[in-house]
Structure formats: C-alpha cells, structure tokens
Amino acid sequence: METMYETLLKMPLFQGLGEDEITKIVGKVKLHFQKYKAGSVILRSGDPCNELTFLLKGEIMLESTDKDNNFVLKEFQSAPDLVGFYSLFGIKTCYFSTYTAETDVDVVSIDKSFILTELDKHDIFRLNFRNILSNRLQQFHDRLWQFTYSCLETKIVDFLLARCEKPYGKKQLKIKMEDFAAIIGETRLSVSKCLNQLEKDGLVILRRTEVEIPDLNLLKLWKEKFLMTFSHNKEIVNE
C-alpha cells in the first residue's frame, strides 16, 4: 500500500523533493488526518480557508452556485490532489465551492500558520506553490481571451470552461434551459437544438434541467476542431 509520503510526492506542490526530504519537512508540522464517508461534506462554501488540504484517497465533488442561484455546477476531483488551495491567501480567504465526498475519502490538512512558519522556509515548496498559483491565473487568462462569441456552439463550451476549476473530467450543470439561454444571450429553442446535437455527438448527456459532460476536455477539443471548420467555411463564403 502506498504511504502518505509517496502520495504527497505525486502532487505538484512537492515536485523536486525526495521521500527523505518530505519526511523531514512534514515531520516539523502538525498534520490533521480525517476520513469521510461517501456523501459527507468535507468543506463548505463560505467557510474560512485556514488550512491546506490534501486529498489522499478517493473522489470528491465540488459544487458551485452562481450568486443568483440560476445554476449549479458540479465537478469531480480524484486523489491525489489539493483541495481549494487558492482560497488560502488573498482578499477573500473563504471557500468558493462546497466539497463533498463522492466515495469514502482520506484527507490530511496543514494549518495556515504552519505553512507560513515551517513549509515556507523551503525553497522548493515556495517555488512550487507560486508556480501552481501562477499557472492557475494563466489558465484563466487564456480561457478569457480564447472566448469566441461568433456562434452558439462555442458560447456553450466557453460558458463551461470559464466556470470550471479544471478544464477536464466529468461535469454536471444543473440549469433550466430558459436560464441557460438568457445567460448566453440566445433563444431557448436554439440552445436546446445545439445541446441535442452535442448529445448525438456523444459529448453531453441531457436530463431534465441537467447537462452532464462526461469529459470536458473532449468538448474543448471538439470546440477547437469546430472553429477550424467554421473559419474555413467562412473564408470560402467570403471568396
């Protein structure tokens, strides 16, 4: 069975460290171990983020709601990974999503005070943490500037990409069709037709007031291919 240290070493935060090094580092901080049964809430939206939480085993669900409660977006995150780390510093140090155990999970957390007094002393940890935060910012910057408002199909994909923490994996969007249409500035009928075509292409699964995306990365790749075809056809028409 994999040890906790071996699991932690798989995370980007500890890249560049050996097992002996991480054992010495983690040995200086106080660790909080928790086990959660499937269905249990691990972290709740709006709660203060006072610790760095690591998902060691299992799968969790992230649930985010817009300020007007028009839709709920669910994402699924598997171990090993960091949980809600981007809320640890900044103006708003509260969790933006609610994290629930999808399966039985094991987590370990480190208090923010120990991160500042112990972990932050190590160059590799500081560099990795800054790189993770910078990469996250760059990813959101890229998503913003890659928005394409030329057609309905790309509006739907961009709506999802802009709101997901990770641009891959399974997602579930709970939303009424009329609300979805109003948010992206289209008619209910056109959005419904587009989603039905995406379902025929095997990219989404439609249920009552819910759109499931089995793998967002496949939808992203479909968008890129669609845009290439769209641009090519547009050039032919202009000729």
Protein backbone atom coordinates (compact mmCIF):
# COMPACT_ATOMS: atom_id res chain seq x y z
CA MET A 1 0.00 0.00 0.00
CA GLU A 2 1.24 3.45 -0.90
CA THR A 3 2.44 5.54 2.05
CA MET A 4 1.17 9.06 2.72
CA TYR A 5 4.57 10.46 1.76
CA GLU A 6 4.56 8.63 -1.58
CA THR A 7 1.10 10.05 -2.27
CA LEU A 8 2.17 13.60 -1.37
CA LEU A 9 5.20 13.34 -3.65
CA LYS A 10 2.86 12.83 -6.61
CA MET A 11 1.43 16.31 -6.10
CA PRO A 12 2.94 19.32 -7.93
CA LEU A 13 3.38 21.09 -4.61
CA PHE A 14 6.17 18.69 -3.62
CA GLN A 15 7.81 18.12 -7.00
CA GLY A 16 11.58 18.01 -6.74
CA LEU A 17 11.60 16.52 -3.24
CA GLY A 18 12.64 13.01 -2.24
CA GLU A 19 10.87 10.84 0.33
CA ASP A 20 13.54 11.55 2.96
CA GLU A 21 13.20 15.30 2.41
CA ILE A 22 9.43 15.36 2.61
CA THR A 23 9.51 13.15 5.70
CA LYS A 24 11.74 15.70 7.45
CA ILE A 25 9.65 18.66 6.29
CA VAL A 26 6.25 17.20 7.15
CA GLY A 27 7.66 15.91 10.44
CA LYS A 28 8.00 19.54 11.60
CA VAL A 29 4.37 20.46 11.06
CA LYS A 30 1.15 19.34 12.70
CA LEU A 31 -0.98 17.15 10.43
CA HIS A 32 -4.73 16.68 10.75
CA PHE A 33 -5.98 13.37 9.35
CA GLN A 34 -9.65 12.87 8.50
CA LYS A 35 -11.72 10.10 6.93
CA TYR A 36 -15.08 10.88 5.33
CA LYS A 37 -17.82 8.52 4.24
CA ALA A 38 -19.41 8.97 0.82
CA GLY A 39 -21.95 11.80 0.96
CA SER A 40 -20.25 13.66 3.83
CA VAL A 41 -19.46 17.37 3.46
CA ILE A 42 -15.72 18.00 3.77
CA LEU A 43 -15.59 21.76 3.23
CA ARG A 44 -18.47 24.18 2.81
CA SER A 45 -18.74 27.22 0.55
CA GLY A 46 -18.28 30.42 2.54
CA ASP A 47 -16.29 28.78 5.34
CA PRO A 48 -12.89 30.36 6.06
CA CYS A 49 -9.90 28.63 4.47
CA ASN A 50 -7.39 28.32 7.31
CA GLU A 51 -5.55 25.21 6.19
CA LEU A 52 -4.03 23.48 3.19
CA THR A 53 -6.00 20.30 2.48
CA PHE A 54 -4.69 17.28 0.57
CA LEU A 55 -6.95 14.62 -0.90
CA LEU A 56 -5.02 11.37 -0.33
CA LYS A 57 -7.61 8.78 -1.33
CA GLY A 58 -10.97 8.64 -3.09
CA GLU A 59 -13.03 11.08 -5.11
CA ILE A 60 -14.80 14.29 -4.11
CA MET A 61 -17.42 16.51 -5.72
CA LEU A 62 -17.09 20.29 -5.97
CA GLU A 63 -20.41 22.11 -6.06
CA SER A 64 -20.54 25.77 -7.06
CA THR A 65 -23.58 28.05 -7.35
CA ASP A 66 -23.88 31.44 -9.05
CA LYS A 67 -24.88 34.44 -6.96
CA ASP A 68 -28.46 34.44 -8.34
CA ASN A 69 -28.90 30.68 -7.83
CA ASN A 70 -29.71 30.18 -11.50
CA PHE A 71 -27.45 27.18 -11.89
CA VAL A 72 -25.29 24.69 -10.00
CA LEU A 73 -22.04 23.33 -11.43
CA LYS A 74 -20.66 20.04 -10.13
CA GLU A 75 -17.10 18.84 -10.77
CA PHE A 76 -15.38 15.65 -9.72
CA GLN A 77 -11.85 15.51 -8.34
CA SER A 78 -9.76 12.38 -7.68
CA ALA A 79 -6.82 11.77 -5.38
CA PRO A 80 -4.07 12.73 -5.11
CA ASP A 81 -4.79 16.46 -5.32
CA LEU A 82 -5.01 19.75 -3.47
CA VAL A 83 -8.43 20.94 -2.34
CA GLY A 84 -9.46 24.62 -2.52
CA PHE A 85 -5.88 25.82 -2.06
CA TYR A 86 -6.42 29.07 -3.99
CA SER A 87 -8.56 30.41 -1.11
CA LEU A 88 -5.70 30.23 1.38
CA PHE A 89 -4.42 33.76 0.66
CA GLY A 90 -5.85 36.94 -0.83
CA ILE A 91 -8.71 39.30 -0.04
CA LYS A 92 -11.38 36.59 0.18
CA THR A 93 -10.00 33.66 2.16
CA CYS A 94 -13.19 31.61 2.03
CA TYR A 95 -14.03 28.51 0.03
CA PHE A 96 -15.96 29.25 -3.16
CA SER A 97 -17.32 25.72 -3.52
CA THR A 98 -18.73 23.03 -1.28
CA TYR A 99 -16.66 19.83 -1.31
CA THR A 100 -18.46 16.55 -0.67
CA ALA A 101 -17.07 13.01 -0.52
CA GLU A 102 -18.22 11.16 -3.65
CA THR A 103 -16.62 7.96 -2.33
CA ASP A 104 -15.01 7.19 1.03
CA VAL A 105 -12.04 9.55 1.17
CA ASP A 106 -8.93 10.25 3.23
CA VAL A 107 -7.64 13.79 3.63
CA VAL A 108 -4.83 15.43 5.54
CA SER A 109 -4.58 19.14 6.27
CA ILE A 110 -1.91 21.55 7.50
CA ASP A 111 -2.77 24.76 9.36
CA LYS A 112 -2.00 28.01 7.56
CA SER A 113 0.21 29.10 10.47
CA PHE A 114 2.47 26.07 9.97
CA ILE A 115 2.71 26.78 6.25
CA LEU A 116 3.97 30.29 6.96
CA THR A 117 6.36 29.31 9.75
CA GLU A 118 7.68 25.95 8.53
CA LEU A 119 6.89 24.93 4.94
CA ASP A 120 7.54 28.38 3.52
CA LYS A 121 11.15 28.14 4.72
CA HIS A 122 11.89 25.62 1.98
CA ASP A 123 12.77 26.98 -1.45
CA ILE A 124 11.21 24.08 -3.38
CA PHE A 125 7.89 24.40 -1.55
CA ARG A 126 7.78 28.19 -2.09
CA LEU A 127 8.63 27.85 -5.77
CA ASN A 128 6.11 25.06 -6.38
CA PHE A 129 3.33 26.91 -4.58
CA ARG A 130 3.96 30.10 -6.55
CA ASN A 131 4.11 28.13 -9.80
CA ILE A 132 0.77 26.43 -9.05
CA LEU A 133 -0.93 29.76 -8.33
CA SER A 134 0.66 31.41 -11.38
CA ASN A 135 -0.36 28.51 -13.64
CA ARG A 136 -3.92 28.77 -12.39
CA LEU A 137 -4.00 32.50 -13.15
CA GLN A 138 -2.54 31.94 -16.62
CA GLN A 139 -5.08 29.22 -17.38
CA PHE A 140 -7.98 31.53 -16.52
CA HIS A 141 -6.38 34.32 -18.54
CA ASP A 142 -6.13 32.01 -21.56
CA ARG A 143 -9.75 30.90 -21.17
CA LEU A 144 -10.91 34.52 -21.03
CA TRP A 145 -9.03 35.56 -24.15
CA GLN A 146 -9.98 32.42 -26.06
CA PHE A 147 -13.69 33.20 -25.75
CA THR A 148 -15.43 33.16 -29.12
CA TYR A 149 -18.78 34.87 -29.43
CA SER A 150 -19.30 34.12 -33.11
CA CYS A 151 -21.58 31.11 -32.72
CA LEU A 152 -23.83 29.35 -30.24
CA GLU A 153 -21.79 26.14 -30.08
CA THR A 154 -18.68 27.90 -28.79
CA LYS A 155 -20.70 30.04 -26.37
CA ILE A 156 -21.89 26.88 -24.62
CA VAL A 157 -18.38 25.41 -24.36
CA ASP A 158 -16.89 28.72 -23.20
CA PHE A 159 -19.60 29.07 -20.54
CA LEU A 160 -18.41 25.80 -19.02
CA LEU A 161 -14.67 26.39 -19.43
CA ALA A 162 -14.91 29.79 -17.74
CA ARG A 163 -16.51 28.34 -14.62
CA CYS A 164 -14.75 25.01 -14.13
CA GLU A 165 -11.79 24.69 -11.80
CA LYS A 166 -10.21 22.06 -14.05
CA PRO A 167 -10.74 22.01 -17.85
CA TYR A 168 -11.13 18.24 -17.95
CA GLY A 169 -13.05 15.42 -16.31
CA LYS A 170 -16.75 14.89 -15.65
CA LYS A 171 -19.00 17.90 -15.01
CA GLN A 172 -22.69 18.28 -14.25
CA LEU A 173 -24.54 21.52 -14.90
CA LYS A 174 -27.97 21.86 -13.28
CA ILE A 175 -29.79 24.68 -15.05
CA LYS A 176 -33.15 25.42 -16.66
CA MET A 177 -32.97 25.75 -20.42
CA GLU A 178 -34.51 29.24 -20.38
CA ASP A 179 -31.93 30.41 -17.80
CA PHE A 180 -29.09 28.93 -19.86
CA ALA A 181 -30.37 30.70 -22.97
CA ALA A 182 -30.73 34.03 -21.17
CA ILE A 183 -27.22 33.88 -19.69
CA ILE A 184 -25.52 33.30 -23.05
CA GLY A 185 -27.87 35.61 -24.98
CA GLU A 186 -29.60 33.03 -27.17
CA THR A 187 -33.12 31.64 -27.57
CA ARG A 188 -34.29 28.62 -25.61
CA LEU A 189 -35.04 26.72 -28.81
CA SER A 190 -31.60 27.30 -30.34
CA VAL A 191 -29.82 26.24 -27.14
CA SER A 192 -31.97 23.12 -26.91
CA LYS A 193 -31.22 22.17 -30.53
CA CYS A 194 -27.49 22.72 -30.04
CA LEU A 195 -27.36 20.61 -26.88
CA ASN A 196 -29.31 17.83 -28.56
CA GLN A 197 -26.77 17.79 -31.39
CA LEU A 198 -23.92 17.66 -28.88
CA GLU A 199 -25.67 14.71 -27.24
CA LYS A 200 -25.89 12.95 -30.61
CA ASP A 201 -22.14 13.53 -30.99
CA GLY A 202 -21.58 11.81 -27.63
CA LEU A 203 -20.23 14.93 -25.91
CA VAL A 204 -23.03 15.58 -23.40
CA ILE A 205 -25.84 13.67 -21.71
CA LEU A 206 -29.12 15.55 -21.28
CA ARG A 207 -31.51 15.06 -18.39
CA ARG A 208 -34.31 17.22 -17.04
CA THR A 209 -32.73 20.58 -16.04
CA GLU A 210 -29.27 18.97 -16.20
CA VAL A 211 -26.42 18.72 -18.69
CA GLU A 212 -23.74 16.14 -17.94
CA ILE A 213 -20.36 16.41 -19.64
CA PRO A 214 -18.51 13.06 -19.39
CA ASP A 215 -15.17 14.73 -20.17
CA LEU A 216 -14.83 18.50 -20.58
CA ASN A 217 -11.51 18.10 -22.38
CA LEU A 218 -13.25 16.24 -25.22
CA LEU A 219 -15.72 19.12 -25.51
CA LYS A 220 -12.80 21.57 -25.57
CA LEU A 221 -11.09 19.62 -28.36
CA TRP A 222 -14.40 19.49 -30.25
CA LYS A 223 -14.64 23.30 -29.98
CA GLU A 224 -11.15 23.75 -31.45
CA LYS A 225 -11.99 21.46 -34.36
CA PHE A 226 -15.36 23.17 -34.85
CA LEU A 227 -13.72 26.61 -35.00
CA MET A 228 -11.24 25.45 -37.63
CA THR A 229 -14.12 24.18 -39.80
CA PHE A 230 -16.19 27.30 -39.07
CA SER A 231 -13.32 29.62 -40.09
CA HIS A 232 -12.60 27.59 -43.22
CA ASN A 233 -16.25 27.70 -44.34
CA LYS A 234 -16.39 31.43 -43.61
CA GLU A 235 -13.35 32.04 -45.84
CA ILE A 236 -14.98 30.10 -48.67
CA VAL A 237 -18.16 32.19 -48.38
CA ASN A 238 -16.17 35.45 -48.36
CA GLU A 239 -14.36 34.39 -51.53
